[in-house]
C-alpha atoms as a PDB file:
ATOM      1  CA  MET A   1       4.154  -4.636  10.794  1.00  0.00           C
ATOM      2  CA  GLU A   2       5.646  -1.925  12.986  1.00  0.00           C
ATOM      3  CA  ALA A   3       4.131   1.176  11.399  1.00  0.00           C
ATOM      4  CA  LEU A   4       1.822   2.099   8.536  1.00  0.00           C
ATOM      5  CA  GLY A   5       0.395   5.435   7.529  1.00  0.00           C
ATOM      6  CA  LEU A   6      -0.148   8.042   4.854  1.00  0.00           C
ATOM      7  CA  GLU A   7       1.652  11.265   4.017  1.00  0.00           C
ATOM      8  CA  PHE A   8      -0.060  13.944   1.971  1.00  0.00           C
ATOM      9  CA  GLY A   9       1.933  15.946  -0.544  1.00  0.00           C
ATOM     10  CA  ASN A  10       1.705  17.848  -3.773  1.00  0.00           C
ATOM     11  CA  GLU A  11      -0.319  16.948  -6.871  1.00  0.00           C
ATOM     12  CA  GLY A  12       2.347  14.637  -8.337  1.00  0.00           C
ATOM     13  CA  ASN A  13       2.467  12.586  -5.146  1.00  0.00           C
ATOM     14  CA  ALA A  14      -0.969  13.189  -3.682  1.00  0.00           C
ATOM     15  CA  VAL A  15      -0.544  10.376  -1.129  1.00  0.00           C
ATOM     16  CA  THR A  16       2.513   8.402  -0.067  1.00  0.00           C
ATOM     17  CA  LEU A  17       2.071   5.083   1.706  1.00  0.00           C
ATOM     18  CA  VAL A  18       4.694   4.763   4.458  1.00  0.00           C
ATOM     19  CA  GLY A  19       5.398   1.491   6.239  1.00  0.00           C
ATOM     20  CA  LYS A  20       7.964  -0.278   8.373  1.00  0.00           C
ATOM     21  CA  PHE A  21       8.037  -4.065   8.662  1.00  0.00           C
ATOM     22  CA  ASN A  22      10.034  -6.529  10.798  1.00  0.00           C
ATOM     23  CA  GLY A  23      12.768  -4.118  11.889  1.00  0.00           C
ATOM     24  CA  GLY A  24      13.533  -3.125   8.291  1.00  0.00           C
ATOM     25  CA  VAL A  25      13.960   0.305   6.799  1.00  0.00           C
ATOM     26  CA  GLU A  26      11.042   2.628   6.200  1.00  0.00           C
ATOM     27  CA  GLN A  27       9.337   1.864   2.888  1.00  0.00           C
ATOM     28  CA  ARG A  28       7.635   4.646   0.891  1.00  0.00           C
ATOM     29  CA  ILE A  29       5.331   4.255  -2.107  1.00  0.00           C
ATOM     30  CA  GLY A  30       3.793   7.235  -3.888  1.00  0.00           C
ATOM     31  CA  CYS A  31       0.236   6.478  -5.005  1.00  0.00           C
ATOM     32  CA  GLY A  32      -1.031   7.918  -8.274  1.00  0.00           C
ATOM     33  CA  ASP A  33      -4.190   9.980  -7.960  1.00  0.00           C
ATOM     34  CA  GLY A  34      -6.654   8.643 -10.530  1.00  0.00           C
ATOM     35  CA  GLU A  35      -3.890   6.931 -12.495  1.00  0.00           C
ATOM     36  CA  TRP A  36      -1.215   4.293 -12.050  1.00  0.00           C
ATOM     37  CA  LYS A  37       2.132   5.720 -10.949  1.00  0.00           C
ATOM     38  CA  ARG A  38       5.110   3.665 -12.094  1.00  0.00           C
ATOM     39  CA  GLY A  39       8.269   3.384 -10.056  1.00  0.00           C
ATOM     40  CA  ARG A  40      10.156   1.043  -7.787  1.00  0.00           C
ATOM     41  CA  GLY A  41       9.229   0.057  -4.302  1.00  0.00           C
ATOM     42  CA  ALA A  42       9.152  -2.539  -1.581  1.00  0.00           C
ATOM     43  CA  PHE A  43       6.259  -3.456   0.658  1.00  0.00           C
ATOM     44  CA  GLY A  44       6.163  -5.935   3.528  1.00  0.00           C
ATOM     45  CA  ALA A  45       8.032  -9.083   2.466  1.00  0.00           C
ATOM     46  CA  PHE A  46       8.352  -7.905  -1.151  1.00  0.00           C
ATOM     47  CA  PRO A  47      11.878  -6.613  -1.935  1.00  0.00           C
ATOM     48  CA  GLU A  48      12.329  -3.433  -3.950  1.00  0.00           C
ATOM     49  CA  GLN A  49      11.218  -4.021  -7.528  1.00  0.00           C
ATOM     50  CA  PRO A  50       9.226  -2.363 -10.334  1.00  0.00           C
ATOM     51  CA  LEU A  51       5.677  -1.519  -9.362  1.00  0.00           C
ATOM     52  CA  ALA A  52       2.716   0.605 -10.292  1.00  0.00           C
ATOM     53  CA  SER A  53       0.495   2.063  -7.608  1.00  0.00           C
ATOM     54  CA  CYS A  54      -2.655   4.111  -7.292  1.00  0.00           C
ATOM     55  CA  GLY A  55      -4.980   5.122  -4.505  1.00  0.00           C
ATOM     56  CA  ALA A  56      -8.136   7.017  -3.673  1.00  0.00           C
ATOM     57  CA  TRP A  57     -10.494   7.792  -0.829  1.00  0.00           C
ATOM     58  CA  THR A  58     -13.239   5.173  -1.163  1.00  0.00           C
ATOM     59  CA  ALA A  59     -15.178   6.475   1.870  1.00  0.00           C
ATOM     60  CA  ASP A  60     -14.844   9.512   4.129  1.00  0.00           C
ATOM     61  CA  ASP A  61     -12.652   7.490   6.503  1.00  0.00           C
ATOM     62  CA  THR A  62     -11.064   4.926   4.130  1.00  0.00           C
ATOM     63  CA  PHE A  63      -8.121   5.183   1.738  1.00  0.00           C
ATOM     64  CA  THR A  64      -7.732   2.267  -0.694  1.00  0.00           C
ATOM     65  CA  ALA A  65      -4.402   1.677  -2.437  1.00  0.00           C
ATOM     66  CA  LYS A  66      -3.516  -0.874  -5.095  1.00  0.00           C
ATOM     67  CA  LEU A  67       0.086  -2.032  -5.494  1.00  0.00           C
ATOM     68  CA  CYS A  68       0.885  -3.946  -8.667  1.00  0.00           C
ATOM     69  CA  PHE A  69       4.320  -5.571  -8.735  1.00  0.00           C
ATOM     70  CA  THR A  70       4.657  -5.395 -12.509  1.00  0.00           C
ATOM     71  CA  GLU A  71       7.152  -8.230 -13.004  1.00  0.00           C
ATOM     72  CA  THR A  72       5.063 -10.641 -10.926  1.00  0.00           C
ATOM     73  CA  PRO A  73       1.413 -11.750 -10.952  1.00  0.00           C
ATOM     74  CA  TYR A  74       0.788  -9.976  -7.618  1.00  0.00           C
ATOM     75  CA  LEU A  75      -1.646  -7.136  -7.012  1.00  0.00           C
ATOM     76  CA  ILE A  76      -2.232  -6.117  -3.393  1.00  0.00           C
ATOM     77  CA  THR A  77      -5.262  -4.068  -2.391  1.00  0.00           C
ATOM     78  CA  LEU A  78      -4.840  -2.184   0.884  1.00  0.00           C
ATOM     79  CA  ASN A  79      -7.728  -0.635   2.801  1.00  0.00           C
ATOM     80  CA  LEU A  80      -6.756   1.843   5.513  1.00  0.00           C
ATOM     81  CA  ARG A  81      -9.717   2.962   7.625  1.00  0.00           C
ATOM     82  CA  PHE A  82      -9.189   5.786  10.085  1.00  0.00           C
ATOM     83  CA  SER A  83     -11.226   5.920  13.291  1.00  0.00           C
ATOM     84  CA  GLY A  84     -10.194   8.584  15.806  1.00  0.00           C
ATOM     85  CA  ASP A  85      -6.514   7.942  16.565  1.00  0.00           C
ATOM     86  CA  LYS A  86      -6.648   4.352  15.249  1.00  0.00           C
ATOM     87  CA  LEU A  87      -5.886   2.893  11.844  1.00  0.00           C
ATOM     88  CA  HIS A  88      -7.627  -0.319  10.764  1.00  0.00           C
ATOM     89  CA  PHE A  89      -5.687  -2.125   8.027  1.00  0.00           C
ATOM     90  CA  GLU A  90      -6.862  -4.859   5.689  1.00  0.00           C
ATOM     91  CA  SER A  91      -5.023  -6.335   2.708  1.00  0.00           C
ATOM     92  CA  THR A  92      -6.170  -8.620  -0.078  1.00  0.00           C
ATOM     93  CA  TRP A  93      -4.023 -10.331  -2.711  1.00  0.00           C
ATOM     94  CA  ASN A  94      -5.258 -11.278  -6.163  1.00  0.00           C
ATOM     95  CA  VAL A  95      -3.375 -14.630  -6.006  1.00  0.00           C
ATOM     96  CA  SER A  96      -1.401 -16.479  -3.342  1.00  0.00           C
ATOM     97  CA  PHE A  97       0.083 -19.839  -2.455  1.00  0.00           C
ATOM     98  CA  GLY A  98      -1.898 -19.485   0.786  1.00  0.00           C
ATOM     99  CA  PRO A  99      -4.828 -17.322   1.852  1.00  0.00           C
ATOM    100  CA  THR A 100      -5.461 -14.236  -0.310  1.00  0.00           C
ATOM    101  CA  LYS A 101      -6.539 -12.288   2.764  1.00  0.00           C
ATOM    102  CA  PRO A 102      -3.699 -12.669   5.304  1.00  0.00           C
ATOM    103  CA  GLY A 103      -4.415 -12.031   8.976  1.00  0.00           C
ATOM    104  CA  CYS A 104      -1.372  -9.835   9.431  1.00  0.00           C
ATOM    105  CA  TRP A 105       2.071  -9.192   7.975  1.00  0.00           C
END
């Protein structure tokens, strides 16, 4: 992972998850606010494909996003905790051929 963060926008795209992985292009996923937002997207090693995403502030300093790749069995839960100028990132997968809580991307 090279970069990960959030952008804040209008009501239709309240929060956009922005990431860059392994020298690839910037990946952007709009998170539905209180509802699943359908679209296409790529994240980490996942190529662009249909997905549904949503997100919410689960604590004053933590944004939690769920990414459901709708043509696969995979649902990724991302917790982004902000502390000063640092971002602490944790991901959990619902299923995996390995650990469901990878150490890093």
